[in-house]
Amino acid sequence: MLLVRAIVRPEKKDEVLYELSTAGFHAATVFDVVGRGKQKGIKVGGIVYDEIPKVMIMTAVRDEDRDDVISVILRVAKTGENGTFGDGKIFISPIEEAYTVSTGKKGL
């Protein structure tokens, strides 16, 4: 099992979630986050905004679904044909165990 954490632009959230669901990945946890990447924020005039609003989408997937999930997110979260700074980041981490609270069942 893997935990996929995708940080995307807020305006891409609904489209990413829709495309993930269409591809068969329905479960997700979504929350608003702020941060900055390599660009160190955005400078407008003399003001630097270093806490840029983003959305984090988390989903747990089977190891064999890794490439499919990554492909969907990369395709949908990118702005424009070539993408741009601030489009986001995807992090993949192993999950040792997962349990459903209501049933106590182990696994996804």
Protein backbone atom coordinates (compact mmCIF):
# COMPACT_ATOMS: atom_id res chain seq x y z
CA MET A 1 0.00 0.00 0.00
CA LEU A 2 1.10 3.53 -0.73
CA LEU A 3 0.06 6.96 0.46
CA VAL A 4 -0.08 9.49 -2.36
CA ARG A 5 -0.01 13.13 -1.25
CA ALA A 6 -0.53 15.62 -4.04
CA ILE A 7 -0.21 19.34 -3.44
CA VAL A 8 -2.02 21.19 -6.23
CA ARG A 9 -3.36 24.62 -7.08
CA PRO A 10 -6.78 25.23 -5.47
CA GLU A 11 -8.43 25.78 -8.85
CA LYS A 12 -7.31 22.27 -9.93
CA LYS A 13 -8.75 20.43 -6.90
CA ASP A 14 -12.17 19.54 -8.29
CA GLU A 15 -10.79 18.44 -11.65
CA VAL A 16 -8.11 16.25 -10.05
CA LEU A 17 -10.65 14.63 -7.73
CA TYR A 18 -13.08 14.04 -10.60
CA GLU A 19 -10.42 12.45 -12.82
CA LEU A 20 -9.12 10.28 -9.98
CA SER A 21 -12.66 9.06 -9.30
CA THR A 22 -13.26 8.45 -13.01
CA ALA A 23 -10.08 6.33 -13.04
CA GLY A 24 -11.46 4.25 -10.14
CA PHE A 25 -9.73 6.01 -7.23
CA HIS A 26 -12.72 7.31 -5.28
CA ALA A 27 -11.33 7.67 -1.75
CA ALA A 28 -9.47 10.86 -0.87
CA THR A 29 -8.84 13.22 1.99
CA VAL A 30 -8.60 16.87 1.01
CA PHE A 31 -7.51 19.89 2.99
CA ASP A 32 -6.29 23.42 2.41
CA VAL A 33 -2.61 24.12 3.02
CA VAL A 34 -0.20 27.00 2.48
CA GLY A 35 3.44 26.91 1.58
CA ARG A 36 6.08 27.78 -0.93
CA GLY A 37 8.35 25.90 -3.26
CA LYS A 38 11.67 26.55 -4.91
CA GLN A 39 10.47 29.94 -6.14
CA LYS A 40 10.42 31.17 -2.49
CA GLY A 41 6.97 32.69 -2.83
CA ILE A 42 5.67 35.38 -5.14
CA LYS A 43 6.91 38.98 -5.24
CA VAL A 44 4.35 41.60 -6.20
CA GLY A 45 5.87 45.05 -6.20
CA GLY A 46 7.85 45.25 -2.99
CA ILE A 47 5.81 42.64 -1.15
CA VAL A 48 6.78 38.95 -0.99
CA TYR A 49 3.96 36.46 -0.45
CA ASP A 50 5.59 33.30 0.87
CA GLU A 51 2.51 31.43 2.05
CA ILE A 52 0.81 30.47 -1.18
CA PRO A 53 -2.60 28.74 -0.89
CA LYS A 54 -2.63 25.14 -2.13
CA VAL A 55 -4.74 22.01 -1.66
CA MET A 56 -3.40 18.66 -0.48
CA ILE A 57 -5.14 15.56 -1.79
CA MET A 58 -4.27 12.32 0.00
CA THR A 59 -5.25 8.87 -1.16
CA ALA A 60 -4.12 5.38 -0.27
CA VAL A 61 -3.61 3.01 -3.20
CA ARG A 62 -2.32 -0.47 -3.92
CA ASP A 63 1.31 -0.65 -5.05
CA GLU A 64 0.26 -1.71 -8.54
CA ASP A 65 -1.91 1.42 -8.94
CA ARG A 66 0.94 3.84 -8.26
CA ASP A 67 1.73 4.78 -11.87
CA ASP A 68 -1.94 5.21 -12.81
CA VAL A 69 -2.63 7.62 -9.93
CA ILE A 70 0.53 9.61 -10.59
CA SER A 71 -0.30 9.83 -14.28
CA VAL A 72 -3.79 11.22 -13.60
CA ILE A 73 -2.52 13.85 -11.18
CA LEU A 74 0.35 14.96 -13.42
CA ARG A 75 -1.94 15.26 -16.43
CA VAL A 76 -4.73 17.15 -14.69
CA ALA A 77 -2.90 19.37 -12.17
CA LYS A 78 -0.53 20.90 -14.73
CA THR A 79 -1.41 24.40 -15.94
CA GLY A 80 -0.93 25.02 -19.63
CA GLU A 81 0.79 22.70 -22.04
CA ASN A 82 4.20 22.87 -20.35
CA GLY A 83 3.14 23.55 -16.76
CA THR A 84 4.52 26.35 -14.62
CA PHE A 85 6.08 27.06 -11.23
CA GLY A 86 3.60 26.43 -8.45
CA ASP A 87 1.68 23.62 -10.15
CA GLY A 88 2.43 21.40 -7.18
CA LYS A 89 4.23 18.30 -6.01
CA ILE A 90 3.43 14.61 -5.52
CA PHE A 91 4.86 12.61 -2.62
CA ILE A 92 4.68 8.81 -2.36
CA SER A 93 5.14 7.02 0.96
CA PRO A 94 4.72 3.39 2.01
CA ILE A 95 1.86 2.45 4.33
CA GLU A 96 2.67 -0.36 6.71
CA GLU A 97 -0.91 -1.06 7.75
CA ALA A 98 -4.39 0.40 7.34
CA TYR A 99 -7.61 -0.40 9.20
CA THR A 100 -11.24 0.54 8.63
CA VAL A 101 -12.49 1.97 11.92
CA SER A 102 -16.11 0.80 11.60
CA THR A 103 -15.26 -2.83 10.89
CA GLY A 104 -11.73 -3.21 12.21
CA LYS A 105 -10.85 -4.79 8.86
CA LYS A 106 -7.21 -4.56 7.83
CA GLY A 107 -6.26 -3.27 4.35
CA LEU A 108 -7.67 -0.80 1.90
